[in-house]
PDB file of N, CA and C in Angstrom:
ATOM      1  N   MET A   1     -83.878 -26.868  26.373  1.00  0.00           N
ATOM      2  CA  MET A   1     -84.164 -26.224  27.635  1.00  0.00           C
ATOM      3  C   MET A   1     -84.726 -27.206  28.642  1.00  0.00           C
ATOM      4  N   LYS A   2     -85.262 -28.303  28.147  1.00  0.00           N
ATOM      5  CA  LYS A   2     -85.765 -29.327  29.057  1.00  0.00           C
ATOM      6  C   LYS A   2     -84.646 -29.832  29.960  1.00  0.00           C
ATOM      7  N   ASP A   3     -83.447 -30.033  29.397  1.00  0.00           N
ATOM      8  CA  ASP A   3     -82.308 -30.487  30.195  1.00  0.00           C
ATOM      9  C   ASP A   3     -81.924 -29.469  31.262  1.00  0.00           C
ATOM     10  N   ILE A   4     -81.978 -28.187  30.907  1.00  0.00           N
ATOM     11  CA  ILE A   4     -81.642 -27.143  31.881  1.00  0.00           C
ATOM     12  C   ILE A   4     -82.676 -27.113  32.992  1.00  0.00           C
ATOM     13  N   ASP A   5     -83.955 -27.184  32.633  1.00  0.00           N
ATOM     14  CA  ASP A   5     -85.009 -27.208  33.657  1.00  0.00           C
ATOM     15  C   ASP A   5     -84.852 -28.411  34.576  1.00  0.00           C
ATOM     16  N   GLU A   6     -84.500 -29.547  34.005  1.00  0.00           N
ATOM     17  CA  GLU A   6     -84.298 -30.749  34.808  1.00  0.00           C
ATOM     18  C   GLU A   6     -83.125 -30.561  35.768  1.00  0.00           C
ATOM     19  N   PHE A   7     -82.038 -29.998  35.266  1.00  0.00           N
ATOM     20  CA  PHE A   7     -80.878 -29.721  36.123  1.00  0.00           C
ATOM     21  C   PHE A   7     -81.270 -28.799  37.271  1.00  0.00           C
ATOM     22  N   LEU A   8     -81.979 -27.717  36.964  1.00  0.00           N
ATOM     23  CA  LEU A   8     -82.367 -26.755  38.000  1.00  0.00           C
ATOM     24  C   LEU A   8     -83.320 -27.376  39.016  1.00  0.00           C
ATOM     25  N   SER A   9     -84.196 -28.250  38.568  1.00  0.00           N
ATOM     26  CA  SER A   9     -85.137 -28.877  39.507  1.00  0.00           C
ATOM     27  C   SER A   9     -84.432 -29.874  40.420  1.00  0.00           C
ATOM     28  N   GLN A  10     -83.321 -30.435  39.963  1.00  0.00           N
ATOM     29  CA  GLN A  10     -82.579 -31.406  40.774  1.00  0.00           C
ATOM     30  C   GLN A  10     -81.600 -30.747  41.739  1.00  0.00           C
ATOM     31  N   HIS A  11     -81.348 -29.455  41.566  1.00  0.00           N
ATOM     32  CA  HIS A  11     -80.389 -28.743  42.409  1.00  0.00           C
ATOM     33  C   HIS A  11     -81.086 -27.548  43.058  1.00  0.00           C
ATOM     34  N   ASP A  12     -81.507 -27.745  44.307  1.00  0.00           N
ATOM     35  CA  ASP A  12     -82.280 -26.719  45.008  1.00  0.00           C
ATOM     36  C   ASP A  12     -81.538 -25.398  45.149  1.00  0.00           C
ATOM     37  N   ASN A  13     -80.226 -25.440  45.215  1.00  0.00           N
ATOM     38  CA  ASN A  13     -79.463 -24.207  45.409  1.00  0.00           C
ATOM     39  C   ASN A  13     -79.126 -23.508  44.083  1.00  0.00           C
ATOM     40  N   ALA A  14     -79.576 -24.043  42.962  1.00  0.00           N
ATOM     41  CA  ALA A  14     -79.314 -23.422  41.658  1.00  0.00           C
ATOM     42  C   ALA A  14     -80.543 -22.633  41.213  1.00  0.00           C
ATOM     43  N   ASP A  15     -80.338 -21.354  40.927  1.00  0.00           N
ATOM     44  CA  ASP A  15     -81.428 -20.497  40.456  1.00  0.00           C
ATOM     45  C   ASP A  15     -81.326 -20.184  38.979  1.00  0.00           C
ATOM     46  N   GLY A  16     -80.209 -20.560  38.353  1.00  0.00           N
ATOM     47  CA  GLY A  16     -80.051 -20.275  36.939  1.00  0.00           C
ATOM     48  C   GLY A  16     -78.789 -20.894  36.385  1.00  0.00           C
ATOM     49  N   VAL A  17     -78.619 -20.706  35.086  1.00  0.00           N
ATOM     50  CA  VAL A  17     -77.468 -21.238  34.373  1.00  0.00           C
ATOM     51  C   VAL A  17     -76.856 -20.108  33.558  1.00  0.00           C
ATOM     52  N   ILE A  18     -75.543 -20.045  33.563  1.00  0.00           N
ATOM     53  CA  ILE A  18     -74.798 -19.072  32.762  1.00  0.00           C
ATOM     54  C   ILE A  18     -74.301 -19.794  31.522  1.00  0.00           C
ATOM     55  N   ILE A  19     -74.488 -19.179  30.374  1.00  0.00           N
ATOM     56  CA  ILE A  19     -74.065 -19.772  29.111  1.00  0.00           C
ATOM     57  C   ILE A  19     -73.007 -18.858  28.497  1.00  0.00           C
ATOM     58  N   LEU A  20     -71.827 -19.399  28.248  1.00  0.00           N
ATOM     59  CA  LEU A  20     -70.751 -18.658  27.607  1.00  0.00           C
ATOM     60  C   LEU A  20     -70.337 -19.427  26.360  1.00  0.00           C
ATOM     61  N   SER A  21     -70.180 -18.711  25.254  1.00  0.00           N
ATOM     62  CA  SER A  21     -69.692 -19.374  24.051  1.00  0.00           C
ATOM     63  C   SER A  21     -68.637 -18.511  23.386  1.00  0.00           C
ATOM     64  N   LEU A  22     -67.822 -19.173  22.605  1.00  0.00           N
ATOM     65  CA  LEU A  22     -66.693 -18.525  21.951  1.00  0.00           C
ATOM     66  C   LEU A  22     -66.630 -19.031  20.521  1.00  0.00           C
ATOM     67  N   GLU A  23     -66.481 -18.097  19.594  1.00  0.00           N
ATOM     68  CA  GLU A  23     -66.330 -18.444  18.183  1.00  0.00           C
ATOM     69  C   GLU A  23     -65.075 -17.765  17.661  1.00  0.00           C
ATOM     70  N   THR A  24     -64.203 -18.545  17.081  1.00  0.00           N
ATOM     71  CA  THR A  24     -62.986 -17.962  16.513  1.00  0.00           C
ATOM     72  C   THR A  24     -62.958 -18.227  15.017  1.00  0.00           C
ATOM     73  N   ASN A  25     -62.578 -17.199  14.291  1.00  0.00           N
ATOM     74  CA  ASN A  25     -62.455 -17.291  12.842  1.00  0.00           C
ATOM     75  C   ASN A  25     -61.198 -16.525  12.467  1.00  0.00           C
ATOM     76  N   ASN A  26     -60.136 -17.248  12.146  1.00  0.00           N
ATOM     77  CA  ASN A  26     -58.826 -16.639  11.926  1.00  0.00           C
ATOM     78  C   ASN A  26     -58.423 -15.891  13.196  1.00  0.00           C
ATOM     79  N   ASP A  27     -58.203 -14.601  13.107  1.00  0.00           N
ATOM     80  CA  ASP A  27     -57.819 -13.817  14.284  1.00  0.00           C
ATOM     81  C   ASP A  27     -59.012 -13.108  14.927  1.00  0.00           C
ATOM     82  N   ASN A  28     -60.212 -13.357  14.432  1.00  0.00           N
ATOM     83  CA  ASN A  28     -61.414 -12.700  14.938  1.00  0.00           C
ATOM     84  C   ASN A  28     -62.091 -13.601  15.978  1.00  0.00           C
ATOM     85  N   THR A  29     -62.275 -13.069  17.180  1.00  0.00           N
ATOM     86  CA  THR A  29     -62.924 -13.811  18.261  1.00  0.00           C
ATOM     87  C   THR A  29     -64.242 -13.151  18.598  1.00  0.00           C
ATOM     88  N   LYS A  30     -65.297 -13.956  18.637  1.00  0.00           N
ATOM     89  CA  LYS A  30     -66.621 -13.468  19.032  1.00  0.00           C
ATOM     90  C   LYS A  30     -67.059 -14.249  20.252  1.00  0.00           C
ATOM     91  N   ARG A  31     -67.626 -13.512  21.199  1.00  0.00           N
ATOM     92  CA  ARG A  31     -68.109 -14.145  22.425  1.00  0.00           C
ATOM     93  C   ARG A  31     -69.597 -13.865  22.587  1.00  0.00           C
ATOM     94  N   GLN A  32     -70.273 -14.853  23.142  1.00  0.00           N
ATOM     95  CA  GLN A  32     -71.689 -14.716  23.453  1.00  0.00           C
ATOM     96  C   GLN A  32     -71.884 -15.058  24.924  1.00  0.00           C
ATOM     97  N   LEU A  33     -72.910 -14.464  25.486  1.00  0.00           N
ATOM     98  CA  LEU A  33     -73.233 -14.647  26.896  1.00  0.00           C
ATOM     99  C   LEU A  33     -74.731 -14.871  27.004  1.00  0.00           C
ATOM    100  N   GLY A  34     -75.126 -15.775  27.860  1.00  0.00           N
ATOM    101  CA  GLY A  34     -76.542 -16.034  28.055  1.00  0.00           C
ATOM    102  C   GLY A  34     -76.853 -16.387  29.497  1.00  0.00           C
ATOM    103  N   PHE A  35     -78.107 -16.180  29.850  1.00  0.00           N
ATOM    104  CA  PHE A  35     -78.613 -16.536  31.176  1.00  0.00           C
ATOM    105  C   PHE A  35     -79.929 -17.269  31.006  1.00  0.00           C
ATOM    106  N   TYR A  36     -80.112 -18.295  31.789  1.00  0.00           N
ATOM    107  CA  TYR A  36     -81.379 -19.001  31.872  1.00  0.00           C
ATOM    108  C   TYR A  36     -81.710 -19.097  33.351  1.00  0.00           C
ATOM    109  N   VAL A  37     -82.854 -18.553  33.744  1.00  0.00           N
ATOM    110  CA  VAL A  37     -83.210 -18.513  35.161  1.00  0.00           C
ATOM    111  C   VAL A  37     -84.403 -19.407  35.458  1.00  0.00           C
ATOM    112  N   LYS A  38     -84.421 -19.914  36.681  1.00  0.00           N
ATOM    113  CA  LYS A  38     -85.501 -20.787  37.120  1.00  0.00           C
ATOM    114  C   LYS A  38     -86.821 -20.011  37.229  1.00  0.00           C
ATOM    115  N   LYS A  39     -86.750 -18.811  37.776  1.00  0.00           N
ATOM    116  CA  LYS A  39     -87.944 -17.980  37.981  1.00  0.00           C
ATOM    117  C   LYS A  39     -87.808 -16.685  37.194  1.00  0.00           C
ATOM    118  N   PHE A  40     -88.848 -16.330  36.451  1.00  0.00           N
ATOM    119  CA  PHE A  40     -88.804 -15.126  35.625  1.00  0.00           C
ATOM    120  C   PHE A  40     -88.478 -13.877  36.436  1.00  0.00           C
ATOM    121  N   GLU A  41     -88.974 -13.784  37.656  1.00  0.00           N
ATOM    122  CA  GLU A  41     -88.751 -12.569  38.450  1.00  0.00           C
ATOM    123  C   GLU A  41     -87.272 -12.333  38.760  1.00  0.00           C
ATOM    124  N   ASN A  42     -86.422 -13.345  38.570  1.00  0.00           N
ATOM    125  CA  ASN A  42     -84.987 -13.167  38.770  1.00  0.00           C
ATOM    126  C   ASN A  42     -84.278 -12.622  37.526  1.00  0.00           C
ATOM    127  N   MET A  43     -84.960 -12.597  36.384  1.00  0.00           N
ATOM    128  CA  MET A  43     -84.318 -12.137  35.156  1.00  0.00           C
ATOM    129  C   MET A  43     -84.063 -10.623  35.143  1.00  0.00           C
ATOM    130  N   PRO A  44     -85.030  -9.771  35.460  1.00  0.00           N
ATOM    131  CA  PRO A  44     -84.744  -8.326  35.384  1.00  0.00           C
ATOM    132  C   PRO A  44     -83.540  -7.879  36.213  1.00  0.00           C
ATOM    133  N   PRO A  45     -83.363  -8.353  37.457  1.00  0.00           N
ATOM    134  CA  PRO A  45     -82.190  -7.894  38.212  1.00  0.00           C
ATOM    135  C   PRO A  45     -80.847  -8.302  37.581  1.00  0.00           C
ATOM    136  N   ILE A  46     -80.704  -9.544  37.136  1.00  0.00           N
ATOM    137  CA  ILE A  46     -79.426  -9.954  36.538  1.00  0.00           C
ATOM    138  C   ILE A  46     -79.235  -9.280  35.187  1.00  0.00           C
ATOM    139  N   ASN A  47     -80.310  -9.100  34.449  1.00  0.00           N
ATOM    140  CA  ASN A  47     -80.241  -8.432  33.154  1.00  0.00           C
ATOM    141  C   ASN A  47     -79.744  -6.991  33.308  1.00  0.00           C
ATOM    142  N   GLU A  48     -80.294  -6.284  34.276  1.00  0.00           N
ATOM    143  CA  GLU A  48     -79.879  -4.894  34.513  1.00  0.00           C
ATOM    144  C   GLU A  48     -78.431  -4.843  34.994  1.00  0.00           C
ATOM    145  N   TYR A  49     -78.095  -5.730  35.906  1.00  0.00           N
ATOM    146  CA  TYR A  49     -76.759  -5.736  36.501  1.00  0.00           C
ATOM    147  C   TYR A  49     -75.669  -6.008  35.460  1.00  0.00           C
ATOM    148  N   ILE A  50     -75.851  -7.038  34.670  1.00  0.00           N
ATOM    149  CA  ILE A  50     -74.790  -7.455  33.752  1.00  0.00           C
ATOM    150  C   ILE A  50     -74.575  -6.451  32.621  1.00  0.00           C
ATOM    151  N   GLN A  51     -75.586  -5.624  32.331  1.00  0.00           N
ATOM    152  CA  GLN A  51     -75.457  -4.653  31.242  1.00  0.00           C
ATOM    153  C   GLN A  51     -74.930  -3.287  31.700  1.00  0.00           C
ATOM    154  N   ARG A  52     -74.608  -3.140  32.960  1.00  0.00           N
ATOM    155  CA  ARG A  52     -74.093  -1.861  33.447  1.00  0.00           C
ATOM    156  C   ARG A  52     -72.820  -1.471  32.701  1.00  0.00           C
ATOM    157  N   ASP A  53     -72.716  -0.203  32.365  1.00  0.00           N
ATOM    158  CA  ASP A  53     -71.543   0.304  31.648  1.00  0.00           C
ATOM    159  C   ASP A  53     -70.244   0.034  32.403  1.00  0.00           C
ATOM    160  N   GLU A  54     -70.307   0.078  33.726  1.00  0.00           N
ATOM    161  CA  GLU A  54     -69.101  -0.109  34.537  1.00  0.00           C
ATOM    162  C   GLU A  54     -68.459  -1.492  34.336  1.00  0.00           C
ATOM    163  N   HIS A  55     -69.231  -2.463  33.842  1.00  0.00           N
ATOM    164  CA  HIS A  55     -68.691  -3.800  33.609  1.00  0.00           C
ATOM    165  C   HIS A  55     -67.980  -3.923  32.267  1.00  0.00           C
ATOM    166  N   ASN A  56     -68.209  -2.964  31.400  1.00  0.00           N
ATOM    167  CA  ASN A  56     -67.497  -2.871  30.123  1.00  0.00           C
ATOM    168  C   ASN A  56     -67.588  -4.149  29.279  1.00  0.00           C
ATOM    169  N   LEU A  57     -68.761  -4.785  29.273  1.00  0.00           N
ATOM    170  CA  LEU A  57     -68.945  -5.969  28.438  1.00  0.00           C
ATOM    171  C   LEU A  57     -69.493  -5.605  27.065  1.00  0.00           C
ATOM    172  N   ASN A  58     -70.112  -4.423  26.980  1.00  0.00           N
ATOM    173  CA  ASN A  58     -70.667  -3.951  25.710  1.00  0.00           C
ATOM    174  C   ASN A  58     -71.558  -5.022  25.089  1.00  0.00           C
ATOM    175  N   LEU A  59     -72.641  -5.350  25.777  1.00  0.00           N
ATOM    176  CA  LEU A  59     -73.546  -6.411  25.355  1.00  0.00           C
ATOM    177  C   LEU A  59     -74.634  -5.889  24.430  1.00  0.00           C
ATOM    178  N   ARG A  60     -74.971  -6.702  23.445  1.00  0.00           N
ATOM    179  CA  ARG A  60     -76.093  -6.411  22.550  1.00  0.00           C
ATOM    180  C   ARG A  60     -77.015  -7.622  22.613  1.00  0.00           C
ATOM    181  N   GLU A  61     -78.235  -7.381  23.090  1.00  0.00           N
ATOM    182  CA  GLU A  61     -79.172  -8.495  23.239  1.00  0.00           C
ATOM    183  C   GLU A  61     -79.524  -9.078  21.874  1.00  0.00           C
ATOM    184  N   ARG A  62     -79.570 -10.384  21.836  1.00  0.00           N
ATOM    185  CA  ARG A  62     -79.911 -11.101  20.603  1.00  0.00           C
ATOM    186  C   ARG A  62     -81.321 -11.644  20.729  1.00  0.00           C
ATOM    187  N   GLY A  63     -82.040 -11.584  19.645  1.00  0.00           N
ATOM    188  CA  GLY A  63     -83.367 -12.183  19.620  1.00  0.00           C
ATOM    189  C   GLY A  63     -83.256 -13.695  19.628  1.00  0.00           C
ATOM    190  N   ILE A  64     -84.267 -14.330  20.147  1.00  0.00           N
ATOM    191  CA  ILE A  64     -84.291 -15.789  20.132  1.00  0.00           C
ATOM    192  C   ILE A  64     -85.549 -16.243  19.403  1.00  0.00           C
ATOM    193  N   PRO A  65     -85.492 -17.378  18.737  1.00  0.00           N
ATOM    194  CA  PRO A  65     -86.614 -17.799  17.886  1.00  0.00           C
ATOM    195  C   PRO A  65     -87.791 -18.415  18.637  1.00  0.00           C
ATOM    196  N   ILE A  66     -87.769 -18.364  19.953  1.00  0.00           N
ATOM    197  CA  ILE A  66     -88.879 -18.906  20.731  1.00  0.00           C
ATOM    198  C   ILE A  66     -89.352 -17.844  21.716  1.00  0.00           C
ATOM    199  N   ASN A  67     -90.562 -17.982  22.184  1.00  0.00           N
ATOM    200  CA  ASN A  67     -91.109 -17.074  23.188  1.00  0.00           C
ATOM    201  C   ASN A  67     -90.746 -17.623  24.557  1.00  0.00           C
ATOM    202  N   GLN A  68     -89.634 -17.164  25.088  1.00  0.00           N
ATOM    203  CA  GLN A  68     -89.141 -17.677  26.363  1.00  0.00           C
ATOM    204  C   GLN A  68     -88.566 -16.519  27.175  1.00  0.00           C
ATOM    205  N   ALA A  69     -89.296 -16.109  28.212  1.00  0.00           N
ATOM    206  CA  ALA A  69     -88.888 -14.946  29.004  1.00  0.00           C
ATOM    207  C   ALA A  69     -87.811 -15.269  30.033  1.00  0.00           C
ATOM    208  N   ARG A  70     -87.501 -16.547  30.226  1.00  0.00           N
ATOM    209  CA  ARG A  70     -86.506 -16.909  31.235  1.00  0.00           C
ATOM    210  C   ARG A  70     -85.110 -17.057  30.658  1.00  0.00           C
ATOM    211  N   ILE A  71     -84.937 -16.690  29.386  1.00  0.00           N
ATOM    212  CA  ILE A  71     -83.616 -16.775  28.775  1.00  0.00           C
ATOM    213  C   ILE A  71     -83.269 -15.450  28.106  1.00  0.00           C
ATOM    214  N   LYS A  72     -82.026 -15.030  28.255  1.00  0.00           N
ATOM    215  CA  LYS A  72     -81.493 -13.833  27.585  1.00  0.00           C
ATOM    216  C   LYS A  72     -80.184 -14.238  26.942  1.00  0.00           C
ATOM    217  N   LEU A  73     -80.007 -13.829  25.701  1.00  0.00           N
ATOM    218  CA  LEU A  73     -78.770 -14.095  24.979  1.00  0.00           C
ATOM    219  C   LEU A  73     -78.191 -12.779  24.499  1.00  0.00           C
ATOM    220  N   PHE A  74     -76.877 -12.657  24.565  1.00  0.00           N
ATOM    221  CA  PHE A  74     -76.198 -11.429  24.186  1.00  0.00           C
ATOM    222  C   PHE A  74     -75.010 -11.718  23.286  1.00  0.00           C
ATOM    223  N   GLN A  75     -74.783 -10.823  22.334  1.00  0.00           N
ATOM    224  CA  GLN A  75     -73.516 -10.764  21.622  1.00  0.00           C
ATOM    225  C   GLN A  75     -72.626  -9.887  22.487  1.00  0.00           C
ATOM    226  N   GLN A  76     -71.479 -10.370  22.845  1.00  0.00           N
ATOM    227  CA  GLN A  76     -70.567  -9.626  23.707  1.00  0.00           C
ATOM    228  C   GLN A  76     -69.582  -8.884  22.815  1.00  0.00           C
ATOM    229  N   ASN A  77     -69.792  -7.590  22.667  1.00  0.00           N
ATOM    230  CA  ASN A  77     -68.956  -6.813  21.759  1.00  0.00           C
ATOM    231  C   ASN A  77     -67.559  -6.531  22.299  1.00  0.00           C
ATOM    232  N   ASN A  78     -67.361  -6.693  23.595  1.00  0.00           N
ATOM    233  CA  ASN A  78     -66.014  -6.612  24.154  1.00  0.00           C
ATOM    234  C   ASN A  78     -65.460  -8.039  24.207  1.00  0.00           C
ATOM    235  N   GLY A  79     -64.869  -8.464  23.103  1.00  0.00           N
ATOM    236  CA  GLY A  79     -64.359  -9.817  23.006  1.00  0.00           C
ATOM    237  C   GLY A  79     -63.179 -10.103  23.901  1.00  0.00           C
ATOM    238  N   GLN A  80     -62.599  -9.083  24.486  1.00  0.00           N
ATOM    239  CA  GLN A  80     -61.458  -9.268  25.384  1.00  0.00           C
ATOM    240  C   GLN A  80     -61.893  -9.710  26.782  1.00  0.00           C
ATOM    241  N   ALA A  81     -63.162  -9.484  27.120  1.00  0.00           N
ATOM    242  CA  ALA A  81     -63.665  -9.880  28.439  1.00  0.00           C
ATOM    243  C   ALA A  81     -63.956 -11.376  28.438  1.00  0.00           C
ATOM    244  N   SER A  82     -63.114 -12.123  29.117  1.00  0.00           N
ATOM    245  CA  SER A  82     -63.229 -13.579  29.137  1.00  0.00           C
ATOM    246  C   SER A  82     -64.079 -14.040  30.320  1.00  0.00           C
ATOM    247  N   ARG A  83     -64.229 -15.343  30.426  1.00  0.00           N
ATOM    248  CA  ARG A  83     -64.982 -15.909  31.550  1.00  0.00           C
ATOM    249  C   ARG A  83     -64.339 -15.536  32.878  1.00  0.00           C
ATOM    250  N   LYS A  84     -63.022 -15.293  32.864  1.00  0.00           N
ATOM    251  CA  LYS A  84     -62.319 -14.918  34.093  1.00  0.00           C
ATOM    252  C   LYS A  84     -62.737 -13.538  34.572  1.00  0.00           C
ATOM    253  N   GLU A  85     -63.316 -12.739  33.703  1.00  0.00           N
ATOM    254  CA  GLU A  85     -63.842 -11.435  34.100  1.00  0.00           C
ATOM    255  C   GLU A  85     -65.350 -11.488  34.332  1.00  0.00           C
ATOM    256  N   ILE A  86     -66.042 -12.306  33.557  1.00  0.00           N
ATOM    257  CA  ILE A  86     -67.503 -12.365  33.649  1.00  0.00           C
ATOM    258  C   ILE A  86     -67.958 -13.126  34.896  1.00  0.00           C
ATOM    259  N   LEU A  87     -67.357 -14.264  35.166  1.00  0.00           N
ATOM    260  CA  LEU A  87     -67.813 -15.076  36.298  1.00  0.00           C
ATOM    261  C   LEU A  87     -67.696 -14.364  37.646  1.00  0.00           C
ATOM    262  N   PRO A  88     -66.634 -13.594  37.920  1.00  0.00           N
ATOM    263  CA  PRO A  88     -66.621 -12.834  39.173  1.00  0.00           C
ATOM    264  C   PRO A  88     -67.766 -11.805  39.254  1.00  0.00           C
ATOM    265  N   LEU A  89     -68.160 -11.224  38.124  1.00  0.00           N
ATOM    266  CA  LEU A  89     -69.302 -10.296  38.129  1.00  0.00           C
ATOM    267  C   LEU A  89     -70.573 -11.030  38.533  1.00  0.00           C
ATOM    268  N   VAL A  90     -70.775 -12.199  37.962  1.00  0.00           N
ATOM    269  CA  VAL A  90     -71.967 -12.984  38.277  1.00  0.00           C
ATOM    270  C   VAL A  90     -71.921 -13.464  39.724  1.00  0.00           C
ATOM    271  N   GLU A  91     -70.740 -13.853  40.181  1.00  0.00           N
ATOM    272  CA  GLU A  91     -70.586 -14.276  41.571  1.00  0.00           C
ATOM    273  C   GLU A  91     -70.923 -13.134  42.532  1.00  0.00           C
ATOM    274  N   GLN A  92     -70.466 -11.925  42.222  1.00  0.00           N
ATOM    275  CA  GLN A  92     -70.772 -10.773  43.068  1.00  0.00           C
ATOM    276  C   GLN A  92     -72.270 -10.488  43.068  1.00  0.00           C
ATOM    277  N   PHE A  93     -72.892 -10.593  41.896  1.00  0.00           N
ATOM    278  CA  PHE A  93     -74.343 -10.407  41.814  1.00  0.00           C
ATOM    279  C   PHE A  93     -75.056 -11.424  42.714  1.00  0.00           C
ATOM    280  N   ALA A  94     -74.641 -12.679  42.627  1.00  0.00           N
ATOM    281  CA  ALA A  94     -75.286 -13.729  43.424  1.00  0.00           C
ATOM    282  C   ALA A  94     -75.137 -13.470  44.914  1.00  0.00           C
ATOM    283  N   LYS A  95     -73.992 -12.968  45.346  1.00  0.00           N
ATOM    284  CA  LYS A  95     -73.772 -12.650  46.762  1.00  0.00           C
ATOM    285  C   LYS A  95     -74.657 -11.504  47.225  1.00  0.00           C
ATOM    286  N   ASP A  96     -74.844 -10.516  46.353  1.00  0.00           N
ATOM    287  CA  ASP A  96     -75.591  -9.308  46.719  1.00  0.00           C
ATOM    288  C   ASP A  96     -77.090  -9.431  46.487  1.00  0.00           C
ATOM    289  N   PHE A  97     -77.504 -10.371  45.646  1.00  0.00           N
ATOM    290  CA  PHE A  97     -78.906 -10.463  45.246  1.00  0.00           C
ATOM    291  C   PHE A  97     -79.773 -10.942  46.391  1.00  0.00           C
ATOM    292  N   VAL A  98     -80.850 -10.215  46.624  1.00  0.00           N
ATOM    293  CA  VAL A  98     -81.856 -10.592  47.608  1.00  0.00           C
ATOM    294  C   VAL A  98     -83.178 -10.664  46.874  1.00  0.00           C
ATOM    295  N   PRO A  99     -83.756 -11.873  46.748  1.00  0.00           N
ATOM    296  CA  PRO A  99     -85.035 -11.989  46.047  1.00  0.00           C
ATOM    297  C   PRO A  99     -86.098 -11.110  46.697  1.00  0.00           C
ATOM    298  N   GLN A 100     -86.974 -10.566  45.882  1.00  0.00           N
ATOM    299  CA  GLN A 100     -87.986  -9.631  46.377  1.00  0.00           C
ATOM    300  C   GLN A 100     -88.938 -10.245  47.373  1.00  0.00           C
ATOM    301  N   ASN A 101     -89.144 -11.558  47.307  1.00  0.00           N
ATOM    302  CA  ASN A 101     -90.089 -12.179  48.225  1.00  0.00           C
ATOM    303  C   ASN A 101     -89.462 -12.597  49.544  1.00  0.00           C
ATOM    304  N   SER A 102     -88.168 -12.284  49.760  1.00  0.00           N
ATOM    305  CA  SER A 102     -87.544 -12.640  51.047  1.00  0.00           C
ATOM    306  C   SER A 102     -87.535 -11.421  51.952  1.00  0.00           C
ATOM    307  N   SER A 103     -87.393 -11.662  53.229  1.00  0.00           N
ATOM    308  CA  SER A 103     -87.425 -10.573  54.213  1.00  0.00           C
ATOM    309  C   SER A 103     -86.038 -10.218  54.669  1.00  0.00           C
TER     310      SER A 103
END
């Protein structure tokens, strides 16, 4: 996470990092999704948004072995939803998101 924090500190316009992973075993595909945010107060809005039923990602939050409130990891039970579907959702969130401390 030190590398991610360093990246975020070097890029003023970056508020977080999206983590996508793919595991294939024979014909079985498993996808994982994660978010790491610069500021904790940005986590609840993206967390709520990405888990909406209308997005049909069927996410199950995964526990992490460290106490870190700025990261969320999910098992994506809808393995058919690829990055081509997830990234536009995140892009729309970023366009619509207004931080609470802005006017």
